[in-house]
Amino acid sequence: MNYMPGTASLIEDIDKKHLVLLRDGRTLIGILRSIDQFANLVLHQTVERIHVGKKFGDIPRGIFVVRGENVVLLGEVDLDKEYDQILQRVSIEEILEEQRTEQQAKQESERLKLQAVKERGLSIPKADTLDDF
């Protein structure tokens, strides 16, 4: 196999099933149909996989175009080991409800932490103000 620099090395991965982890935390699984020099991807028969605890659900998304700068991880899916027995597949409605519950619990936890910090006379700078320094 000859070495190909950059995204050219992914040409041999076209028409194979891939998992893509995005910068915003979403996980996409689909068939890689196209890639360019900026690592922009076109995925076909894409599903968005949502994990909550030991459960997961797949939301069909169809054709998905991903800007290269949003890709954190790209890997080929081993079709023989695609469905792990450790995780339990659930319906879209159930996984979305689980996700909503988990997000509410995280928000409540953050609110309690912020309240405890304020009670001690401290403050936490907002993330967007950190860029000003």
Protein backbone atom coordinates (compact mmCIF):
# COMPACT_ATOMS: atom_id res chain seq x y z
CA MET A 1 0.00 0.00 0.00
CA ASN A 2 1.40 3.41 -0.98
CA TYR A 3 1.36 6.31 1.47
CA MET A 4 -1.03 9.13 0.56
CA PRO A 5 -0.82 12.38 2.54
CA GLY A 6 -3.78 14.09 4.20
CA THR A 7 -7.35 13.27 3.34
CA ALA A 8 -6.26 11.47 0.16
CA SER A 9 -5.57 8.46 2.37
CA LEU A 10 -9.34 8.18 2.96
CA ILE A 11 -10.10 7.52 -0.71
CA GLU A 12 -9.87 3.78 -0.11
CA ASP A 13 -12.49 4.13 2.66
CA ILE A 14 -15.19 5.44 0.32
CA ASP A 15 -18.34 3.26 0.22
CA LYS A 16 -17.59 1.82 3.66
CA LYS A 17 -19.60 2.38 6.83
CA HIS A 18 -18.04 4.95 9.18
CA LEU A 19 -18.66 6.46 12.58
CA VAL A 20 -18.11 10.23 12.83
CA LEU A 21 -17.85 12.06 16.15
CA LEU A 22 -18.63 15.75 15.75
CA ARG A 23 -17.29 18.70 17.72
CA ASP A 24 -20.71 19.31 19.29
CA GLY A 25 -20.71 15.75 20.68
CA ARG A 26 -23.10 14.15 18.19
CA THR A 27 -22.30 10.73 16.77
CA LEU A 28 -23.16 9.92 13.15
CA ILE A 29 -22.96 6.53 11.45
CA GLY A 30 -23.24 6.30 7.70
CA ILE A 31 -21.66 5.21 4.45
CA LEU A 32 -18.85 7.53 3.36
CA ARG A 33 -19.63 8.66 -0.20
CA SER A 34 -17.28 11.60 -0.74
CA ILE A 35 -14.43 13.52 0.87
CA ASP A 36 -12.44 16.57 -0.24
CA GLN A 37 -9.13 18.23 0.64
CA PHE A 38 -10.75 20.05 3.59
CA ALA A 39 -12.04 16.76 5.08
CA ASN A 40 -15.64 17.73 4.27
CA LEU A 41 -17.65 14.49 4.24
CA VAL A 42 -20.78 13.25 2.55
CA LEU A 43 -22.46 10.39 4.43
CA HIS A 44 -25.29 8.31 2.96
CA GLN A 45 -27.91 6.32 4.92
CA THR A 46 -26.82 8.26 8.00
CA VAL A 47 -28.20 7.73 11.49
CA GLU A 48 -27.53 9.88 14.53
CA ARG A 49 -26.76 7.60 17.45
CA ILE A 50 -27.64 8.85 20.91
CA HIS A 51 -26.09 7.13 23.95
CA VAL A 52 -27.50 7.48 27.44
CA GLY A 53 -26.04 5.12 30.02
CA LYS A 54 -26.21 1.59 28.61
CA LYS A 55 -28.98 2.45 26.14
CA PHE A 56 -28.78 3.83 22.62
CA GLY A 57 -31.14 4.88 19.87
CA ASP A 58 -30.67 5.68 16.20
CA ILE A 59 -32.41 8.61 14.51
CA PRO A 60 -32.44 8.28 10.70
CA ARG A 61 -30.93 11.38 9.04
CA GLY A 62 -30.46 10.31 5.39
CA ILE A 63 -27.75 12.13 3.43
CA PHE A 64 -25.55 14.21 5.70
CA VAL A 65 -22.90 16.76 4.68
CA VAL A 66 -20.32 17.41 7.40
CA ARG A 67 -17.90 20.32 7.31
CA GLY A 68 -14.38 19.04 7.93
CA GLU A 69 -13.60 21.40 10.82
CA ASN A 70 -16.45 19.82 12.81
CA VAL A 71 -15.01 16.28 12.63
CA VAL A 72 -13.29 15.14 15.83
CA LEU A 73 -13.01 11.45 14.98
CA LEU A 74 -13.66 9.33 11.90
CA GLY A 75 -13.43 5.57 11.97
CA GLU A 76 -14.58 2.60 9.94
CA VAL A 77 -17.30 0.48 11.54
CA ASP A 78 -16.49 -3.22 11.86
CA LEU A 79 -19.69 -4.75 10.46
CA ASP A 80 -19.04 -8.04 12.31
CA LYS A 81 -18.99 -6.26 15.68
CA GLU A 82 -21.42 -3.46 14.92
CA TYR A 83 -23.98 -4.34 17.56
CA ASP A 84 -22.36 -4.71 20.94
CA GLN A 85 -24.27 -6.87 23.41
CA ILE A 86 -23.44 -4.51 26.28
CA LEU A 87 -25.69 -1.73 24.99
CA GLN A 88 -29.45 -2.00 24.68
CA ARG A 89 -31.22 -0.58 21.62
CA VAL A 90 -34.36 1.42 22.49
CA SER A 91 -36.92 3.42 20.50
CA ILE A 92 -36.27 6.98 19.35
CA GLU A 93 -38.89 8.36 21.74
CA GLU A 94 -37.41 6.50 24.72
CA ILE A 95 -33.81 7.59 24.03
CA LEU A 96 -34.86 11.21 23.51
CA GLU A 97 -36.71 11.16 26.84
CA GLU A 98 -33.66 9.60 28.55
CA GLN A 99 -31.43 12.27 26.97
CA ARG A 100 -33.75 15.07 28.11
CA THR A 101 -33.78 13.67 31.65
CA GLU A 102 -29.98 13.41 31.69
CA GLN A 103 -29.58 17.00 30.43
CA GLN A 104 -31.99 18.30 33.06
CA ALA A 105 -30.04 16.48 35.78
CA LYS A 106 -26.77 18.02 34.51
CA GLN A 107 -28.30 21.50 34.44
CA GLU A 108 -29.60 21.10 37.99
CA SER A 109 -26.19 19.88 39.14
CA GLU A 110 -24.49 22.89 37.51
CA ARG A 111 -27.04 25.24 39.07
CA LEU A 112 -26.35 23.78 42.53
CA LYS A 113 -22.57 24.08 42.01
CA LEU A 114 -22.91 27.71 40.91
CA GLN A 115 -25.14 28.45 43.90
CA ALA A 116 -22.60 26.88 46.30
CA VAL A 117 -19.78 28.91 44.76
CA LYS A 118 -21.80 32.14 45.04
CA GLU A 119 -22.60 31.39 48.71
CA ARG A 120 -18.86 31.24 49.35
CA GLY A 121 -18.39 34.67 47.76
CA LEU A 122 -16.70 33.43 44.61
CA SER A 123 -17.66 33.80 40.98
CA ILE A 124 -17.05 31.76 37.86
CA PRO A 125 -16.39 33.74 34.68
CA LYS A 126 -18.59 32.87 31.72
CA ALA A 127 -16.84 30.94 28.94
CA ASP A 128 -17.35 33.71 26.37
CA THR A 129 -15.61 36.33 28.57
CA LEU A 130 -12.43 34.24 28.84
CA ASP A 131 -11.53 35.16 25.25
CA ASP A 132 -11.19 38.84 26.19
CA PHE A 133 -7.89 38.27 28.06
